[in-house]
C-alpha atoms as a PDB file:
ATOM      1  CA  MET A   1      19.027  -7.002   1.810  1.00  0.00           C
ATOM      2  CA  LYS A   2      22.354  -7.576   0.119  1.00  0.00           C
ATOM      3  CA  CYS A   3      24.264  -4.810  -1.641  1.00  0.00           C
ATOM      4  CA  VAL A   4      25.648  -5.962  -4.998  1.00  0.00           C
ATOM      5  CA  HIS A   5      27.325  -2.613  -5.681  1.00  0.00           C
ATOM      6  CA  HIS A   6      27.684  -1.518  -9.272  1.00  0.00           C
ATOM      7  CA  TYR A   7      28.107  -4.956 -10.765  1.00  0.00           C
ATOM      8  CA  TYR A   8      24.586  -4.957 -12.313  1.00  0.00           C
ATOM      9  CA  LEU A   9      24.243  -1.217 -12.894  1.00  0.00           C
ATOM     10  CA  ASP A  10      25.091  -1.241 -16.615  1.00  0.00           C
ATOM     11  CA  LYS A  11      22.691  -4.140 -17.220  1.00  0.00           C
ATOM     12  CA  ILE A  12      19.912  -2.301 -15.401  1.00  0.00           C
ATOM     13  CA  PHE A  13      20.446   0.809 -17.526  1.00  0.00           C
ATOM     14  CA  GLN A  14      20.465  -1.256 -20.731  1.00  0.00           C
ATOM     15  CA  LYS A  15      17.072  -2.771 -19.861  1.00  0.00           C
ATOM     16  CA  ASN A  16      15.545   0.482 -18.534  1.00  0.00           C
ATOM     17  CA  ILE A  17      16.374   3.040 -21.199  1.00  0.00           C
ATOM     18  CA  TYR A  18      14.307   5.793 -19.551  1.00  0.00           C
ATOM     19  CA  MET A  19      16.750   5.716 -16.613  1.00  0.00           C
ATOM     20  CA  GLN A  20      19.538   6.883 -18.931  1.00  0.00           C
ATOM     21  CA  GLU A  21      17.819  10.281 -19.137  1.00  0.00           C
ATOM     22  CA  ILE A  22      17.202  10.466 -15.396  1.00  0.00           C
ATOM     23  CA  TYR A  23      20.760   9.461 -14.478  1.00  0.00           C
ATOM     24  CA  PRO A  24      23.258  10.504 -17.173  1.00  0.00           C
ATOM     25  CA  LYS A  25      26.539   8.550 -17.193  1.00  0.00           C
ATOM     26  CA  ASN A  26      28.362  10.885 -14.788  1.00  0.00           C
ATOM     27  CA  THR A  27      25.637  10.683 -12.098  1.00  0.00           C
ATOM     28  CA  ARG A  28      25.195   6.904 -11.876  1.00  0.00           C
ATOM     29  CA  ASP A  29      27.886   6.517  -9.233  1.00  0.00           C
ATOM     30  CA  ILE A  30      25.460   7.732  -6.553  1.00  0.00           C
ATOM     31  CA  LEU A  31      23.238   4.693  -7.080  1.00  0.00           C
ATOM     32  CA  GLU A  32      23.422   1.484  -5.061  1.00  0.00           C
ATOM     33  CA  VAL A  33      22.193  -1.813  -6.457  1.00  0.00           C
ATOM     34  CA  PHE A  34      20.846  -4.317  -3.972  1.00  0.00           C
ATOM     35  CA  CYS A  35      18.829  -7.525  -3.717  1.00  0.00           C
ATOM     36  CA  LEU A  36      15.827  -7.700  -1.404  1.00  0.00           C
ATOM     37  CA  TYR A  37      15.139 -11.020   0.255  1.00  0.00           C
ATOM     38  CA  GLU A  38      12.291  -9.890   2.513  1.00  0.00           C
ATOM     39  CA  ALA A  39      10.153  -6.781   2.250  1.00  0.00           C
ATOM     40  CA  LYS A  40       6.580  -5.567   2.360  1.00  0.00           C
ATOM     41  CA  GLY A  41       5.000  -2.478   0.951  1.00  0.00           C
ATOM     42  CA  GLU A  42       2.133  -0.942  -0.929  1.00  0.00           C
ATOM     43  CA  TYR A  43       1.540   1.166  -3.980  1.00  0.00           C
ATOM     44  CA  PHE A  44      -1.363   3.305  -5.100  1.00  0.00           C
ATOM     45  CA  ASP A  45      -2.955   3.628  -8.530  1.00  0.00           C
ATOM     46  CA  ILE A  46      -4.238   7.209  -8.582  1.00  0.00           C
ATOM     47  CA  THR A  47      -5.320   7.172 -12.226  1.00  0.00           C
ATOM     48  CA  ASN A  48      -8.918   7.729 -11.084  1.00  0.00           C
ATOM     49  CA  PRO A  49      -8.784   9.996  -7.977  1.00  0.00           C
ATOM     50  CA  SER A  50     -12.376   9.161  -7.003  1.00  0.00           C
ATOM     51  CA  ALA A  51     -11.546   5.438  -6.843  1.00  0.00           C
ATOM     52  CA  ILE A  52      -7.913   5.079  -5.768  1.00  0.00           C
ATOM     53  CA  ILE A  53      -6.699   1.499  -5.776  1.00  0.00           C
ATOM     54  CA  LYS A  54      -4.180   0.300  -3.194  1.00  0.00           C
ATOM     55  CA  GLU A  55      -2.255  -2.909  -3.689  1.00  0.00           C
ATOM     56  CA  THR A  56       0.125  -4.510  -1.232  1.00  0.00           C
ATOM     57  CA  PHE A  57       3.087  -6.708  -1.990  1.00  0.00           C
ATOM     58  CA  THR A  58       5.533  -8.879  -0.129  1.00  0.00           C
ATOM     59  CA  ILE A  59       8.915 -10.327  -0.993  1.00  0.00           C
ATOM     60  CA  GLY A  60       9.985 -13.437   0.846  1.00  0.00           C
ATOM     61  CA  ASN A  61       8.198 -14.996   3.811  1.00  0.00           C
ATOM     62  CA  ILE A  62       6.601 -11.892   5.314  1.00  0.00           C
ATOM     63  CA  GLU A  63       2.887 -11.669   6.005  1.00  0.00           C
ATOM     64  CA  ASN A  64       1.285  -8.388   5.053  1.00  0.00           C
ATOM     65  CA  LYS A  65      -1.923  -8.004   7.030  1.00  0.00           C
ATOM     66  CA  GLU A  66      -1.800  -4.282   7.758  1.00  0.00           C
ATOM     67  CA  GLY A  67      -4.953  -2.233   7.466  1.00  0.00           C
ATOM     68  CA  TYR A  68      -8.270  -1.713   9.215  1.00  0.00           C
ATOM     69  CA  LEU A  69     -10.774  -4.453   9.949  1.00  0.00           C
ATOM     70  CA  ILE A  70     -14.358  -4.285  11.170  1.00  0.00           C
ATOM     71  CA  LYS A  71     -15.098  -6.728  13.974  1.00  0.00           C
ATOM     72  CA  GLU A  72     -18.264  -8.740  14.647  1.00  0.00           C
ATOM     73  CA  SER A  73     -19.400  -6.099  17.152  1.00  0.00           C
ATOM     74  CA  CYS A  74     -20.347  -3.820  14.218  1.00  0.00           C
ATOM     75  CA  ILE A  75     -23.954  -2.599  14.574  1.00  0.00           C
ATOM     76  CA  GLY A  76     -24.302  -1.571  10.906  1.00  0.00           C
ATOM     77  CA  CYS A  77     -24.854   2.144  11.594  1.00  0.00           C
ATOM     78  CA  MET A  78     -22.678   3.033   8.556  1.00  0.00           C
ATOM     79  CA  LYS A  79     -21.209   6.137  10.201  1.00  0.00           C
ATOM     80  CA  CYS A  80     -17.855   4.843   9.001  1.00  0.00           C
ATOM     81  CA  LEU A  81     -18.995   5.028   5.380  1.00  0.00           C
ATOM     82  CA  GLU A  82     -20.106   8.637   5.858  1.00  0.00           C
ATOM     83  CA  VAL A  83     -16.554   9.718   6.749  1.00  0.00           C
ATOM     84  CA  CYS A  84     -14.644   7.432   4.371  1.00  0.00           C
ATOM     85  CA  PRO A  85     -13.039   9.538   1.612  1.00  0.00           C
ATOM     86  CA  GLN A  86     -12.896   6.498  -0.693  1.00  0.00           C
ATOM     87  CA  GLN A  87     -16.380   5.140   0.053  1.00  0.00           C
ATOM     88  CA  CYS A  88     -14.733   1.741   0.360  1.00  0.00           C
ATOM     89  CA  ILE A  89     -16.941   0.418   3.157  1.00  0.00           C
ATOM     90  CA  VAL A  90     -19.902  -1.733   2.158  1.00  0.00           C
ATOM     91  CA  LEU A  91     -22.661  -3.211   4.268  1.00  0.00           C
ATOM     92  CA  LYS A  92     -23.149  -6.949   3.973  1.00  0.00           C
ATOM     93  CA  GLU A  93     -24.039  -8.823   7.162  1.00  0.00           C
ATOM     94  CA  LYS A  94     -21.887  -6.173   8.813  1.00  0.00           C
ATOM     95  CA  ALA A  95     -19.813  -3.326   7.440  1.00  0.00           C
ATOM     96  CA  GLU A  96     -16.781  -4.490   5.485  1.00  0.00           C
ATOM     97  CA  ILE A  97     -13.773  -2.544   4.235  1.00  0.00           C
ATOM     98  CA  GLN A  98     -12.692  -3.139   0.640  1.00  0.00           C
ATOM     99  CA  GLN A  99      -8.967  -3.228   1.364  1.00  0.00           C
ATOM    100  CA  ASN A 100      -7.808  -2.503  -2.178  1.00  0.00           C
ATOM    101  CA  HIS A 101      -9.462   0.933  -2.013  1.00  0.00           C
ATOM    102  CA  CYS A 102      -8.744   1.794   1.648  1.00  0.00           C
ATOM    103  CA  LEU A 103      -6.203   4.596   2.149  1.00  0.00           C
ATOM    104  CA  SER A 104      -5.675   3.641   5.821  1.00  0.00           C
ATOM    105  CA  CYS A 105      -6.592   7.162   6.941  1.00  0.00           C
ATOM    106  CA  GLY A 106      -8.291   5.933  10.138  1.00  0.00           C
ATOM    107  CA  ARG A 107     -11.329   8.235   9.949  1.00  0.00           C
ATOM    108  CA  CYS A 108     -13.630   5.251  10.381  1.00  0.00           C
ATOM    109  CA  VAL A 109     -11.995   4.291  13.684  1.00  0.00           C
ATOM    110  CA  SER A 110     -12.717   7.581  15.389  1.00  0.00           C
ATOM    111  CA  ILE A 111     -16.373   7.742  14.297  1.00  0.00           C
ATOM    112  CA  CYS A 112     -17.426   4.183  15.224  1.00  0.00           C
ATOM    113  CA  PRO A 113     -19.792   4.355  18.228  1.00  0.00           C
ATOM    114  CA  VAL A 114     -19.002   0.791  19.356  1.00  0.00           C
ATOM    115  CA  GLN A 115     -15.249   0.702  18.599  1.00  0.00           C
ATOM    116  CA  ALA A 116     -15.756  -2.113  16.108  1.00  0.00           C
ATOM    117  CA  ILE A 117     -12.923  -1.009  13.815  1.00  0.00           C
ATOM    118  CA  GLU A 118      -9.340  -1.856  14.621  1.00  0.00           C
ATOM    119  CA  ARG A 119      -5.993  -1.360  12.954  1.00  0.00           C
ATOM    120  CA  VAL A 120      -4.164  -4.570  12.168  1.00  0.00           C
ATOM    121  CA  LYS A 121      -0.346  -4.441  12.023  1.00  0.00           C
END
């Protein structure tokens, strides 16, 4: 991350008019403008609370493989699906987590009788 101070602040406010209401002229001095070279994160679309969508993003050369994965030792009992608040686990050859709907709550990990679910960081 590199701080570029207030050099770009006026340009940012010109392009993002809604920010002018949030930060009136006399309050802009508290803001810092910076460039990110590497970062990872996630955001949630909660427009439909019964089917929340999670997307991950990266900036730069960072791998983003966080989440929960179901290993080959899965016996297909589907207890994980019963406790999943998003119902984002489907049974194919084995249970599989649809990552773009997973909230990473970890409920599936604690219920799995064969410890086939692991957190990946």
